[in-house]
Amino acid sequence: MKSANKFNTAVLSLAVVVAGCAVAAAFQQGKQLAAVNQMATVTITAQRLTQEQKIAYDMQQSGQAMQTVLVTAKRLGAEEKSAMDRQEQAIQQARIRAQKKAQLLV
């Protein structure tokens, strides 16, 4: 009899604690939803820059210093061209093999 009373008391206590937690969680969730609904939204709009405006902006950022780029190249010989072509083909074949392996794994 005493063990049944203790068991009933324990179950009742547990039920009260769980109910209290559920009520507290419900109120907390409501506060979180209210905070999300009150978040400010910012919309930024800007016009596209023209080519002249882009150049002016770049010059302003670089401190009014003009930059010069020098590009040099030499003409490739037939052997160099064929070597580059073979290298490019090898790279493409390696990519294809890697893609096929990835497709097989999926």
N, C-alpha and C. Protein backbone atom coordinates (compact mmCIF):
# COMPACT_ATOMS: atom_id res chain seq x y z
N MET A 1 0.81 -1.17 0.00
CA MET A 1 0.00 0.00 0.00
C MET A 1 0.87 1.25 0.00
N LYS A 2 1.89 1.27 0.87
CA LYS A 2 2.77 2.43 0.92
C LYS A 2 3.53 2.57 -0.40
N SER A 3 3.94 1.46 -1.00
CA SER A 3 4.68 1.53 -2.26
C SER A 3 3.77 2.04 -3.38
N ALA A 4 2.49 1.66 -3.35
CA ALA A 4 1.55 2.16 -4.36
C ALA A 4 1.34 3.66 -4.20
N ASN A 5 1.26 4.14 -2.95
CA ASN A 5 1.10 5.57 -2.69
C ASN A 5 2.33 6.34 -3.17
N LYS A 6 3.52 5.80 -2.90
CA LYS A 6 4.75 6.45 -3.34
C LYS A 6 4.81 6.48 -4.86
N PHE A 7 4.40 5.39 -5.48
CA PHE A 7 4.42 5.33 -6.94
C PHE A 7 3.46 6.36 -7.54
N ASN A 8 2.25 6.44 -7.00
CA ASN A 8 1.26 7.40 -7.47
C ASN A 8 1.75 8.83 -7.27
N THR A 9 2.38 9.09 -6.14
CA THR A 9 2.91 10.41 -5.86
C THR A 9 4.03 10.76 -6.84
N ALA A 10 4.89 9.80 -7.11
CA ALA A 10 6.00 10.03 -8.04
C ALA A 10 5.47 10.31 -9.45
N VAL A 11 4.48 9.54 -9.89
CA VAL A 11 3.90 9.73 -11.22
C VAL A 11 3.22 11.10 -11.30
N LEU A 12 2.49 11.45 -10.26
CA LEU A 12 1.81 12.74 -10.23
C LEU A 12 2.82 13.89 -10.24
N SER A 13 3.90 13.76 -9.48
CA SER A 13 4.94 14.79 -9.45
C SER A 13 5.60 14.93 -10.82
N LEU A 14 5.88 13.80 -11.43
CA LEU A 14 6.49 13.82 -12.75
C LEU A 14 5.56 14.48 -13.77
N ALA A 15 4.26 14.18 -13.69
CA ALA A 15 3.29 14.76 -14.61
C ALA A 15 3.21 16.28 -14.43
N VAL A 16 3.28 16.76 -13.19
CA VAL A 16 3.23 18.19 -12.91
C VAL A 16 4.48 18.88 -13.48
N VAL A 17 5.63 18.26 -13.30
CA VAL A 17 6.88 18.84 -13.81
C VAL A 17 6.85 18.91 -15.33
N VAL A 18 6.42 17.83 -15.99
CA VAL A 18 6.35 17.80 -17.46
C VAL A 18 5.37 18.84 -17.96
N ALA A 19 4.22 18.97 -17.31
CA ALA A 19 3.22 19.96 -17.71
C ALA A 19 3.79 21.38 -17.57
N GLY A 20 4.51 21.63 -16.49
CA GLY A 20 5.12 22.95 -16.28
C GLY A 20 6.15 23.25 -17.36
N CYS A 21 6.95 22.25 -17.72
CA CYS A 21 7.94 22.44 -18.79
C CYS A 21 7.27 22.72 -20.12
N ALA A 22 6.18 22.01 -20.41
CA ALA A 22 5.47 22.20 -21.67
C ALA A 22 4.89 23.61 -21.76
N VAL A 23 4.31 24.09 -20.66
CA VAL A 23 3.75 25.44 -20.66
C VAL A 23 4.86 26.47 -20.83
N ALA A 24 5.97 26.28 -20.14
CA ALA A 24 7.09 27.23 -20.26
C ALA A 24 7.66 27.23 -21.68
N ALA A 25 7.77 26.06 -22.27
CA ALA A 25 8.29 25.97 -23.64
C ALA A 25 7.36 26.66 -24.63
N ALA A 26 6.06 26.53 -24.41
CA ALA A 26 5.10 27.17 -25.31
C ALA A 26 5.24 28.68 -25.26
N PHE A 27 5.42 29.24 -24.07
CA PHE A 27 5.58 30.68 -23.95
C PHE A 27 6.91 31.14 -24.54
N GLN A 28 7.96 30.35 -24.38
CA GLN A 28 9.26 30.71 -24.95
C GLN A 28 9.19 30.73 -26.46
N GLN A 29 8.52 29.75 -27.05
CA GLN A 29 8.40 29.68 -28.50
C GLN A 29 7.64 30.90 -29.03
N GLY A 30 6.64 31.33 -28.32
CA GLY A 30 5.89 32.52 -28.72
C GLY A 30 6.76 33.75 -28.72
N LYS A 31 7.66 33.89 -27.74
CA LYS A 31 8.56 35.03 -27.66
C LYS A 31 9.54 35.01 -28.83
N GLN A 32 10.04 33.82 -29.19
CA GLN A 32 10.97 33.71 -30.31
C GLN A 32 10.29 34.09 -31.61
N LEU A 33 9.07 33.64 -31.83
CA LEU A 33 8.35 33.98 -33.05
C LEU A 33 8.07 35.48 -33.12
N ALA A 34 7.75 36.08 -31.98
CA ALA A 34 7.51 37.52 -31.95
C ALA A 34 8.79 38.28 -32.30
N ALA A 35 9.93 37.81 -31.83
CA ALA A 35 11.20 38.47 -32.13
C ALA A 35 11.53 38.36 -33.61
N VAL A 36 11.24 37.22 -34.21
CA VAL A 36 11.51 37.04 -35.64
C VAL A 36 10.60 37.95 -36.46
N ASN A 37 9.35 38.09 -36.06
CA ASN A 37 8.41 38.93 -36.80
C ASN A 37 8.78 40.41 -36.71
N GLN A 38 9.53 40.82 -35.69
CA GLN A 38 9.87 42.22 -35.50
C GLN A 38 11.20 42.59 -36.15
N MET A 39 11.86 41.66 -36.84
CA MET A 39 13.15 41.96 -37.46
C MET A 39 12.97 42.97 -38.59
N ALA A 40 13.89 43.90 -38.66
CA ALA A 40 13.82 44.95 -39.68
C ALA A 40 14.30 44.39 -41.02
N THR A 41 13.71 44.89 -42.09
CA THR A 41 14.10 44.50 -43.43
C THR A 41 14.72 45.70 -44.12
N VAL A 42 15.88 45.47 -44.75
CA VAL A 42 16.58 46.55 -45.43
C VAL A 42 16.63 46.22 -46.92
N THR A 43 16.27 47.19 -47.75
CA THR A 43 16.33 47.03 -49.19
C THR A 43 17.33 48.02 -49.74
N ILE A 44 18.32 47.52 -50.47
CA ILE A 44 19.36 48.37 -51.04
C ILE A 44 19.19 48.37 -52.55
N THR A 45 19.10 49.55 -53.12
CA THR A 45 19.00 49.67 -54.57
C THR A 45 20.11 50.59 -55.05
N ALA A 46 20.64 50.28 -56.22
CA ALA A 46 21.71 51.09 -56.79
C ALA A 46 21.64 50.97 -58.31
N GLN A 47 22.11 52.00 -58.98
CA GLN A 47 22.12 51.94 -60.43
C GLN A 47 23.41 51.30 -60.91
N ARG A 48 23.39 50.76 -62.12
CA ARG A 48 24.59 50.18 -62.72
C ARG A 48 25.56 51.29 -63.07
N LEU A 49 26.84 51.04 -62.82
CA LEU A 49 27.86 52.02 -63.16
C LEU A 49 28.20 51.92 -64.65
N THR A 50 28.45 53.07 -65.24
CA THR A 50 28.93 53.07 -66.63
C THR A 50 30.42 52.72 -66.63
N GLN A 51 30.97 52.51 -67.81
CA GLN A 51 32.38 52.16 -67.91
C GLN A 51 33.25 53.30 -67.36
N GLU A 52 32.88 54.53 -67.64
CA GLU A 52 33.65 55.68 -67.15
C GLU A 52 33.59 55.76 -65.63
N GLN A 53 32.41 55.50 -65.06
CA GLN A 53 32.27 55.53 -63.61
C GLN A 53 33.10 54.43 -62.95
N LYS A 54 33.16 53.27 -63.59
CA LYS A 54 33.98 52.17 -63.05
C LYS A 54 35.45 52.56 -63.03
N ILE A 55 35.91 53.15 -64.13
CA ILE A 55 37.31 53.57 -64.21
C ILE A 55 37.60 54.64 -63.16
N ALA A 56 36.67 55.59 -63.02
CA ALA A 56 36.86 56.65 -62.02
C ALA A 56 36.91 56.06 -60.61
N TYR A 57 36.04 55.10 -60.33
CA TYR A 57 36.03 54.47 -59.01
C TYR A 57 37.34 53.73 -58.76
N ASP A 58 37.81 52.97 -59.75
CA ASP A 58 39.07 52.24 -59.60
C ASP A 58 40.24 53.19 -59.37
N MET A 59 40.24 54.32 -60.08
CA MET A 59 41.33 55.29 -59.89
C MET A 59 41.26 55.90 -58.50
N GLN A 60 40.05 56.15 -58.01
CA GLN A 60 39.89 56.72 -56.68
C GLN A 60 40.39 55.73 -55.63
N GLN A 61 40.09 54.45 -55.81
CA GLN A 61 40.51 53.44 -54.84
C GLN A 61 42.02 53.23 -54.86
N SER A 62 42.65 53.39 -56.02
CA SER A 62 44.09 53.14 -56.11
C SER A 62 44.92 54.38 -55.80
N GLY A 63 44.26 55.47 -55.43
CA GLY A 63 45.01 56.66 -55.04
C GLY A 63 45.45 57.48 -56.23
N GLN A 64 44.66 57.56 -57.27
CA GLN A 64 44.93 58.36 -58.46
C GLN A 64 46.18 57.90 -59.20
N ALA A 65 46.65 56.73 -58.96
CA ALA A 65 47.84 56.23 -59.66
C ALA A 65 47.39 55.37 -60.84
N MET A 66 47.85 55.72 -62.02
CA MET A 66 47.55 54.93 -63.20
C MET A 66 48.41 53.67 -63.16
N GLN A 67 47.83 52.59 -63.55
CA GLN A 67 48.57 51.33 -63.57
C GLN A 67 48.72 50.89 -65.01
N THR A 68 49.90 50.40 -65.33
CA THR A 68 50.17 49.92 -66.68
C THR A 68 50.44 48.43 -66.63
N VAL A 69 49.80 47.71 -67.54
CA VAL A 69 50.00 46.27 -67.61
C VAL A 69 50.73 45.98 -68.91
N LEU A 70 51.83 45.27 -68.82
CA LEU A 70 52.63 44.92 -69.98
C LEU A 70 52.47 43.43 -70.25
N VAL A 71 52.03 43.11 -71.45
CA VAL A 71 51.83 41.71 -71.83
C VAL A 71 52.81 41.38 -72.93
N THR A 72 53.59 40.33 -72.70
CA THR A 72 54.53 39.90 -73.74
C THR A 72 54.23 38.45 -74.07
N ALA A 73 54.50 38.09 -75.31
CA ALA A 73 54.26 36.71 -75.75
C ALA A 73 55.23 36.39 -76.86
N LYS A 74 55.43 35.12 -77.08
CA LYS A 74 56.28 34.70 -78.19
C LYS A 74 55.51 33.67 -79.01
N ARG A 75 55.86 33.54 -80.24
CA ARG A 75 55.19 32.61 -81.13
C ARG A 75 55.67 31.19 -80.80
N LEU A 76 54.70 30.27 -80.69
CA LEU A 76 55.04 28.89 -80.39
C LEU A 76 55.45 28.16 -81.66
N GLY A 77 56.39 27.25 -81.48
CA GLY A 77 56.79 26.40 -82.59
C GLY A 77 55.82 25.23 -82.73
N ALA A 78 55.95 24.47 -83.77
CA ALA A 78 55.05 23.34 -84.04
C ALA A 78 55.14 22.30 -82.92
N GLU A 79 56.35 22.03 -82.43
CA GLU A 79 56.52 21.04 -81.37
C GLU A 79 55.86 21.50 -80.07
N GLU A 80 56.01 22.78 -79.77
CA GLU A 80 55.41 23.33 -78.55
C GLU A 80 53.88 23.30 -78.63
N LYS A 81 53.34 23.61 -79.83
CA LYS A 81 51.90 23.56 -80.01
C LYS A 81 51.37 22.15 -79.82
N SER A 82 52.03 21.16 -80.42
CA SER A 82 51.56 19.78 -80.29
C SER A 82 51.70 19.29 -78.85
N ALA A 83 52.75 19.72 -78.15
CA ALA A 83 52.92 19.33 -76.75
C ALA A 83 51.80 19.93 -75.90
N MET A 84 51.43 21.19 -76.16
CA MET A 84 50.34 21.81 -75.41
C MET A 84 49.01 21.13 -75.71
N ASP A 85 48.80 20.75 -76.97
CA ASP A 85 47.57 20.06 -77.35
C ASP A 85 47.46 18.71 -76.65
N ARG A 86 48.57 17.96 -76.60
CA ARG A 86 48.56 16.66 -75.91
C ARG A 86 48.27 16.84 -74.42
N GLN A 87 48.87 17.87 -73.85
CA GLN A 87 48.65 18.14 -72.43
C GLN A 87 47.18 18.50 -72.18
N GLU A 88 46.59 19.31 -73.04
CA GLU A 88 45.18 19.69 -72.89
C GLU A 88 44.27 18.47 -73.04
N GLN A 89 44.59 17.60 -73.99
CA GLN A 89 43.80 16.37 -74.16
C GLN A 89 43.89 15.49 -72.93
N ALA A 90 45.07 15.36 -72.35
CA ALA A 90 45.25 14.55 -71.15
C ALA A 90 44.44 15.11 -70.00
N ILE A 91 44.43 16.42 -69.87
CA ILE A 91 43.65 17.06 -68.80
C ILE A 91 42.17 16.81 -69.00
N GLN A 92 41.68 16.94 -70.24
CA GLN A 92 40.26 16.71 -70.52
C GLN A 92 39.88 15.26 -70.25
N GLN A 93 40.74 14.32 -70.64
CA GLN A 93 40.46 12.91 -70.38
C GLN A 93 40.42 12.61 -68.89
N ALA A 94 41.31 13.24 -68.13
CA ALA A 94 41.30 13.05 -66.68
C ALA A 94 40.02 13.59 -66.07
N ARG A 95 39.54 14.73 -66.57
CA ARG A 95 38.27 15.29 -66.08
C ARG A 95 37.11 14.36 -66.39
N ILE A 96 37.09 13.81 -67.60
CA ILE A 96 36.01 12.91 -67.99
C ILE A 96 36.02 11.66 -67.11
N ARG A 97 37.21 11.11 -66.85
CA ARG A 97 37.31 9.93 -65.98
C ARG A 97 36.81 10.25 -64.57
N ALA A 98 37.17 11.42 -64.08
CA ALA A 98 36.73 11.81 -62.73
C ALA A 98 35.22 11.97 -62.69
N GLN A 99 34.63 12.53 -63.73
CA GLN A 99 33.17 12.69 -63.78
C GLN A 99 32.48 11.34 -63.85
N LYS A 100 33.04 10.42 -64.62
CA LYS A 100 32.44 9.08 -64.73
C LYS A 100 32.51 8.36 -63.40
N LYS A 101 33.64 8.48 -62.68
CA LYS A 101 33.76 7.86 -61.37
C LYS A 101 32.73 8.43 -60.41
N ALA A 102 32.56 9.77 -60.47
CA ALA A 102 31.58 10.40 -59.59
C ALA A 102 30.17 9.93 -59.90
N GLN A 103 29.86 9.74 -61.18
CA GLN A 103 28.53 9.25 -61.56
C GLN A 103 28.33 7.81 -61.11
N LEU A 104 29.38 7.02 -61.15
CA LEU A 104 29.26 5.62 -60.70
C LEU A 104 29.03 5.54 -59.19
N LEU A 105 29.62 6.47 -58.44
CA LEU A 105 29.48 6.45 -57.00
C LEU A 105 28.10 6.90 -56.56
N VAL A 106 27.43 7.67 -57.40
CA VAL A 106 26.08 8.15 -57.04
C VAL A 106 25.12 7.06 -57.26
